[in-house]
Amino acid sequence: MKPNIKNIAVLTSGGDAPGMNAAIRAVIRTGIYHGLNMFGVMQGYQGLISDNIKPMDARSVSNILHLGGTVLKTARCLEFKTPEGMEIAYNNLKKNDIDGLVVIGGDGTFTGAKLFSERFGVKVIGIPGTIDNDLSGSDFTLGYDTAINTVIEAIDKIRDTADAHDRLFFIEVMGRDSGCIALRSSIASGAEAVLLPERATSIEELITKLALGASTKKTSSIVIVAEGHKQGGAYDIAKKVKETFDHYDTKVTILGHLQRGGSPSSFDRILGSRLGFAAVNALLAGETEKMVGLHGNEIKLTTIEDALSAHTFKLEPDLMEMTEVLSI
């Protein structure tokens, strides 16, 4: 039987990502359209524990589509990882008569949601909101497209100064154990090399590649380093390269949290809207412990357990090959 859901709450947890506000807006307005009472939880799971839960109407989410970050704020909550913390959160949901929960975030957020649902029977649907694109079950996660555009804009500017001074730039991008941002931004920016967590590249191989470029009269080079690369971060790798290859003046740029901010791209605004709309409809259809995600151009459901599984397939083989072919 389908649940008789009347009250739905939405929260954002973990790292923020552009497009979260579009998803929040879609969740709130879709629920109101169906005659539901809608609530926003401030500061993620911490807000469930501190009972920072507020009613929201259609006007509560006006003029937020273009905003980066999340209007509901976010926080990492160690207390929610304990049985006692989860019980407090559950009691606060019961106190507010909330019978459905939409969580927007990444793997940590989904892990907490799965355990919460299993222990207390809370009906929960996840929306993948992380710039890392490291969840299975969705071709793109919220914020990934905007983050790539931010990286490319920065690299385009760095390329100008690299060319002017015959420099070798090592640019570190986010992604933890996922090279998704690094791979796509390397192709879009014309980088000479990219170092990915999913592909072993030795310092010797990198130096050989850079030396080949120098021998064919390349006056500058860009190397993109995913922060989770096995050889270390951009500073470590640049130091190792400099010790044996001093053809260029070597510089390092860490883009860091710059990649999380900014107004979401049109793609992320539309994706967030589609996922928020689908999340509420999934709850109304009786689904739980599922994630809504983009497959091709369709929104489909994946179990949260499957969403947390390995994600290495996301590095498309043709893009991997292109990084070698197009950088000569």
Protein backbone atom coordinates (compact mmCIF):
# COMPACT_ATOMS: atom_id res chain seq x y z
CA MET A 1 0.00 0.00 0.00
CA LYS A 2 1.14 3.53 -0.73
CA PRO A 3 1.84 5.59 2.40
CA ASN A 4 -0.53 8.37 3.34
CA ILE A 5 2.14 11.06 3.34
CA LYS A 6 1.01 14.52 4.40
CA ASN A 7 4.12 16.24 5.71
CA ILE A 8 7.53 16.25 4.01
CA ALA A 9 10.79 17.81 5.19
CA VAL A 10 13.87 18.55 3.09
CA LEU A 11 17.47 19.05 4.21
CA THR A 12 20.91 19.58 2.73
CA SER A 13 23.90 17.92 4.33
CA GLY A 14 27.66 17.62 3.88
CA GLY A 15 29.44 19.76 1.30
CA ASP A 16 27.34 22.36 -0.49
CA ALA A 17 26.93 22.24 -4.26
CA PRO A 18 25.49 24.68 -6.84
CA GLY A 19 21.97 23.62 -7.76
CA MET A 20 20.90 22.62 -4.26
CA ASN A 21 18.60 25.63 -4.04
CA ALA A 22 16.90 24.65 -7.29
CA ALA A 23 16.23 21.22 -5.79
CA ILE A 24 14.93 22.71 -2.52
CA ARG A 25 12.59 24.98 -4.47
CA ALA A 26 11.26 22.10 -6.53
CA VAL A 27 10.70 19.89 -3.48
CA ILE A 28 8.77 22.58 -1.60
CA ARG A 29 6.60 23.67 -4.52
CA THR A 30 5.88 20.14 -5.76
CA GLY A 31 4.75 19.14 -2.29
CA ILE A 32 2.53 22.22 -1.96
CA TYR A 33 1.05 21.53 -5.39
CA HIS A 34 -0.03 18.10 -4.11
CA GLY A 35 -1.57 19.59 -0.97
CA LEU A 36 1.18 18.58 1.43
CA ASN A 37 2.63 20.49 4.36
CA MET A 38 6.30 21.22 3.66
CA PHE A 39 9.19 21.82 6.06
CA GLY A 40 12.81 22.85 5.75
CA VAL A 41 15.46 21.49 8.11
CA MET A 42 18.23 23.97 8.84
CA GLN A 43 21.87 22.78 8.95
CA GLY A 44 21.27 19.23 7.78
CA TYR A 45 21.12 16.38 10.28
CA GLN A 46 22.20 18.78 13.02
CA GLY A 47 18.90 20.57 12.47
CA LEU A 48 16.99 17.33 12.99
CA ILE A 49 18.71 16.84 16.33
CA SER A 50 18.30 20.46 17.49
CA ASP A 51 14.71 20.60 16.14
CA ASN A 52 15.58 23.47 13.81
CA ILE A 53 12.69 22.60 11.51
CA LYS A 54 10.52 25.31 10.00
CA PRO A 55 7.35 25.29 7.87
CA MET A 56 7.87 26.49 4.30
CA ASP A 57 5.45 27.80 1.70
CA ALA A 58 5.83 28.61 -2.00
CA ARG A 59 7.14 32.10 -1.24
CA SER A 60 9.81 30.71 1.09
CA VAL A 61 11.73 29.55 -1.97
CA SER A 62 11.23 32.57 -4.23
CA ASN A 63 14.30 34.00 -5.98
CA ILE A 64 16.74 31.28 -4.95
CA LEU A 65 17.26 29.46 -8.27
CA HIS A 66 20.31 31.53 -9.15
CA LEU A 67 21.99 31.29 -5.76
CA GLY A 68 24.94 29.05 -4.99
CA GLY A 69 25.25 27.26 -1.66
CA THR A 70 22.04 26.28 0.14
CA VAL A 71 19.43 28.47 1.81
CA LEU A 72 18.85 25.66 4.32
CA LYS A 73 22.53 25.77 5.32
CA THR A 74 24.52 22.60 5.88
CA ALA A 75 26.71 21.03 8.53
CA ARG A 76 28.54 17.83 9.27
CA CYS A 77 26.98 16.19 12.32
CA LEU A 78 28.93 13.55 14.25
CA GLU A 79 26.10 13.13 16.75
CA PHE A 80 23.78 11.85 14.02
CA LYS A 81 26.17 8.92 13.51
CA THR A 82 25.25 7.60 16.96
CA PRO A 83 22.07 5.63 17.79
CA GLU A 84 21.23 8.19 20.46
CA GLY A 85 21.54 11.09 18.03
CA MET A 86 19.38 9.36 15.45
CA GLU A 87 16.72 8.69 18.06
CA ILE A 88 16.59 12.37 19.00
CA ALA A 89 16.25 13.24 15.31
CA TYR A 90 13.45 10.70 14.86
CA ASN A 91 11.55 12.01 17.87
CA ASN A 92 11.74 15.54 16.45
CA LEU A 93 10.34 14.32 13.15
CA LYS A 94 7.49 12.64 15.02
CA LYS A 95 6.87 15.80 17.06
CA ASN A 96 6.41 17.72 13.81
CA ASP A 97 4.28 14.93 12.27
CA ILE A 98 6.77 14.58 9.39
CA ASP A 99 6.29 11.32 7.51
CA GLY A 100 8.60 11.82 4.54
CA LEU A 101 12.17 13.11 4.25
CA VAL A 102 14.15 14.33 1.22
CA VAL A 103 17.91 14.52 1.76
CA ILE A 104 20.23 16.37 -0.63
CA GLY A 105 23.91 15.56 -0.43
CA GLY A 106 26.68 13.08 -1.17
CA ASP A 107 27.83 9.69 0.07
CA GLY A 108 28.01 10.64 3.75
CA THR A 109 24.51 12.12 3.61
CA PHE A 110 23.14 9.01 1.92
CA THR A 111 24.86 6.65 4.34
CA GLY A 112 23.19 8.45 7.23
CA ALA A 113 19.82 8.47 5.48
CA LYS A 114 19.97 4.73 4.82
CA LEU A 115 20.78 3.88 8.44
CA PHE A 116 18.12 6.32 9.69
CA SER A 117 15.46 4.71 7.51
CA GLU A 118 16.48 1.18 8.46
CA ARG A 119 16.45 1.88 12.21
CA PHE A 120 13.29 3.97 12.45
CA GLY A 121 11.29 3.29 9.29
CA VAL A 122 11.52 6.89 8.07
CA LYS A 123 10.48 7.22 4.42
CA VAL A 124 13.46 8.83 2.72
CA ILE A 125 14.46 9.79 -0.83
CA GLY A 126 17.90 11.08 -1.74
CA ILE A 127 18.94 13.74 -4.25
CA PRO A 128 22.60 13.53 -5.35
CA GLY A 129 24.14 16.91 -4.52
CA THR A 130 27.94 16.86 -4.74
CA ILE A 131 30.44 18.41 -7.13
CA ASP A 132 32.50 15.19 -7.04
CA ASN A 133 30.04 13.24 -9.23
CA ASP A 134 30.92 10.17 -7.18
CA LEU A 135 27.53 8.49 -6.75
CA SER A 136 26.38 5.61 -8.91
CA GLY A 137 22.92 5.83 -10.41
CA SER A 138 23.16 9.33 -11.87
CA ASP A 139 25.19 10.42 -14.88
CA PHE A 140 25.57 13.86 -13.29
CA THR A 141 25.24 14.92 -9.67
CA LEU A 142 24.08 18.40 -8.69
CA GLY A 143 26.90 20.94 -8.84
CA TYR A 144 29.25 18.90 -11.00
CA ASP A 145 28.57 20.85 -14.20
CA THR A 146 28.96 24.22 -12.47
CA ALA A 147 32.19 23.10 -10.80
CA ILE A 148 33.69 22.09 -14.14
CA ASN A 149 32.77 25.46 -15.64
CA THR A 150 34.40 27.21 -12.68
CA VAL A 151 37.59 25.18 -13.12
CA ILE A 152 37.71 25.86 -16.86
CA GLU A 153 37.28 29.61 -16.34
CA ALA A 154 40.18 29.61 -13.88
CA ILE A 155 42.43 27.52 -16.13
CA ASP A 156 41.74 29.78 -19.12
CA LYS A 157 43.08 32.69 -17.10
CA ILE A 158 46.06 30.72 -15.82
CA ARG A 159 46.87 29.70 -19.41
CA ASP A 160 47.32 33.38 -20.30
CA THR A 161 50.04 33.89 -17.71
CA ALA A 162 51.59 30.48 -18.40
CA ASP A 163 52.05 31.39 -22.08
CA ALA A 164 53.42 34.83 -21.23
CA HIS A 165 56.19 33.41 -19.01
CA ASP A 166 56.92 29.93 -20.44
CA ARG A 167 55.56 28.37 -17.27
CA LEU A 168 54.46 24.93 -16.19
CA PHE A 169 51.36 25.13 -13.99
CA PHE A 170 50.15 22.32 -11.76
CA ILE A 171 46.47 22.95 -10.96
CA GLU A 172 44.85 20.90 -8.22
CA VAL A 173 41.09 20.32 -8.43
CA MET A 174 38.65 18.75 -5.99
CA GLY A 175 37.13 15.30 -6.19
CA ARG A 176 38.62 13.22 -3.36
CA ASP A 177 38.78 9.71 -4.84
CA SER A 178 36.97 10.74 -8.03
CA GLY A 179 38.74 12.14 -11.08
CA CYS A 180 35.53 13.27 -12.79
CA ILE A 181 36.20 17.02 -12.46
CA ALA A 182 39.85 16.62 -13.42
CA LEU A 183 39.11 14.50 -16.50
CA ARG A 184 36.47 16.71 -18.08
CA SER A 185 38.17 19.99 -17.22
CA SER A 186 41.43 18.73 -18.72
CA ILE A 187 39.77 18.11 -22.08
CA ALA A 188 37.77 21.34 -22.04
CA SER A 189 40.81 23.44 -21.12
CA GLY A 190 43.32 21.71 -23.41
CA ALA A 191 45.58 20.62 -20.56
CA GLU A 192 48.81 18.86 -21.47
CA ALA A 193 48.36 16.19 -18.80
CA VAL A 194 45.90 15.06 -16.15
CA LEU A 195 46.58 12.93 -13.08
CA LEU A 196 43.59 10.86 -11.92
CA PRO A 197 43.05 8.69 -8.83
CA GLU A 198 41.60 5.98 -11.07
CA ARG A 199 44.64 5.77 -13.35
CA ALA A 200 48.20 5.12 -12.21
CA THR A 201 50.63 7.68 -13.64
CA SER A 202 54.22 7.72 -12.45
CA ILE A 203 56.33 10.84 -12.15
CA GLU A 204 58.60 9.40 -14.83
CA GLU A 205 55.68 9.03 -17.25
CA LEU A 206 54.60 12.60 -16.57
CA ILE A 207 58.11 13.96 -17.14
CA THR A 208 58.40 12.02 -20.41
CA LYS A 209 55.15 13.55 -21.60
CA LEU A 210 56.19 17.08 -20.64
CA ALA A 211 59.61 16.64 -22.23
CA LEU A 212 57.97 15.54 -25.48
CA GLY A 213 55.86 18.70 -25.46
CA ALA A 214 58.93 20.85 -24.84
CA SER A 215 60.76 19.16 -27.73
CA THR A 216 57.90 20.10 -30.07
CA LYS A 217 58.20 23.77 -29.05
CA LYS A 218 55.38 23.98 -26.50
CA THR A 219 56.00 27.23 -24.66
CA SER A 220 53.86 26.38 -21.63
CA SER A 221 52.06 23.43 -20.11
CA ILE A 222 49.12 22.84 -17.80
CA VAL A 223 48.92 19.72 -15.63
CA ILE A 224 45.66 19.08 -13.80
CA VAL A 225 45.94 17.05 -10.60
CA ALA A 226 42.94 15.45 -8.91
CA GLU A 227 43.35 15.97 -5.16
CA GLY A 228 43.11 12.22 -4.49
CA HIS A 229 45.97 11.21 -6.80
CA LYS A 230 48.21 8.46 -5.40
CA GLN A 231 51.41 10.46 -6.01
CA GLY A 232 50.17 13.24 -3.73
CA GLY A 233 48.79 16.74 -4.23
CA ALA A 234 49.89 19.30 -6.77
CA TYR A 235 52.66 20.72 -4.54
CA ASP A 236 54.21 17.28 -3.99
CA ILE A 237 54.06 16.35 -7.65
CA ALA A 238 55.41 19.73 -8.82
CA LYS A 239 58.37 19.37 -6.45
CA LYS A 240 59.19 15.89 -7.77
CA VAL A 241 58.95 17.04 -11.39
CA LYS A 242 61.06 20.15 -10.76
CA GLU A 243 63.87 18.02 -9.34
CA THR A 244 64.52 16.35 -12.71
CA PHE A 245 62.77 18.54 -15.28
CA ASP A 246 63.52 22.25 -15.12
CA HIS A 247 62.61 23.22 -18.67
CA TYR A 248 59.83 25.49 -17.39
CA ASP A 249 59.37 27.89 -14.52
CA THR A 250 57.04 25.79 -12.32
CA LYS A 251 54.01 27.16 -10.45
CA VAL A 252 51.17 25.57 -8.45
CA THR A 253 47.55 26.67 -8.06
CA ILE A 254 45.10 25.01 -5.66
CA LEU A 255 41.58 25.93 -6.72
CA GLY A 256 40.03 24.52 -3.55
CA HIS A 257 36.59 25.62 -2.41
CA LEU A 258 36.32 28.11 -5.24
CA GLN A 259 34.88 25.14 -7.14
CA ARG A 260 31.91 24.80 -4.80
CA GLY A 261 30.67 28.35 -5.08
CA GLY A 262 29.01 30.53 -7.65
CA SER A 263 25.69 30.73 -9.41
CA PRO A 264 24.63 27.31 -10.75
CA SER A 265 24.75 26.69 -14.48
CA SER A 266 21.50 26.32 -16.42
CA PHE A 267 22.16 22.58 -16.49
CA ASP A 268 22.35 22.37 -12.68
CA ARG A 269 19.27 24.58 -12.25
CA ILE A 270 17.23 22.31 -14.49
CA LEU A 271 18.70 19.12 -13.02
CA GLY A 272 17.98 20.30 -9.48
CA SER A 273 14.41 21.14 -10.45
CA ARG A 274 13.87 17.74 -12.09
CA LEU A 275 15.35 15.83 -9.17
CA GLY A 276 13.37 17.77 -6.55
CA PHE A 277 10.14 17.23 -8.47
CA ALA A 278 10.89 13.51 -8.84
CA ALA A 279 11.84 13.07 -5.17
CA VAL A 280 8.44 14.21 -3.89
CA ASN A 281 6.62 12.11 -6.47
CA ALA A 282 8.69 9.09 -5.43
CA LEU A 283 7.65 9.51 -1.79
CA LEU A 284 4.02 9.84 -2.82
CA ALA A 285 4.38 6.65 -4.86
CA GLY A 286 5.51 4.73 -1.78
CA GLU A 287 9.24 4.62 -2.52
CA THR A 288 11.88 4.81 0.19
CA GLU A 289 15.64 4.38 0.55
CA LYS A 290 15.97 5.37 -3.10
CA MET A 291 17.91 8.07 -4.93
CA VAL A 292 16.54 10.00 -7.89
CA GLY A 293 19.15 10.34 -10.63
CA LEU A 294 19.70 11.22 -14.27
CA HIS A 295 20.14 8.36 -16.76
CA GLY A 296 20.57 9.66 -20.30
CA ASN A 297 17.80 12.24 -20.29
CA GLU A 298 15.45 10.37 -17.96
CA ILE A 299 15.03 10.57 -14.20
CA LYS A 300 15.18 7.12 -12.64
CA LEU A 301 15.33 5.60 -9.18
CA THR A 302 18.32 3.75 -7.74
CA THR A 303 18.53 2.19 -4.30
CA ILE A 304 20.68 4.22 -1.95
CA GLU A 305 22.77 1.11 -1.39
CA ASP A 306 23.55 0.91 -5.12
CA ALA A 307 24.17 4.66 -5.28
CA LEU A 308 26.94 4.23 -2.72
CA SER A 309 28.66 1.50 -4.73
CA ALA A 310 31.78 1.90 -6.90
CA HIS A 311 31.73 4.83 -9.31
CA THR A 312 34.84 4.28 -11.45
CA PHE A 313 32.70 3.55 -14.50
CA LYS A 314 31.97 7.28 -14.71
CA LEU A 315 35.36 7.92 -16.28
CA GLU A 316 34.38 7.34 -19.88
CA PRO A 317 36.99 5.34 -21.86
CA ASP A 318 36.84 7.69 -24.85
CA LEU A 319 37.54 10.71 -22.63
CA MET A 320 40.45 8.88 -21.02
CA GLU A 321 41.92 8.16 -24.45
CA MET A 322 41.31 11.75 -25.59
CA THR A 323 43.50 13.11 -22.80
CA GLU A 324 46.43 11.37 -24.48
CA VAL A 325 45.55 11.95 -28.12
CA LEU A 326 44.53 15.62 -28.02
CA SER A 327 47.36 16.84 -25.78
CA ILE A 328 50.24 16.15 -28.20
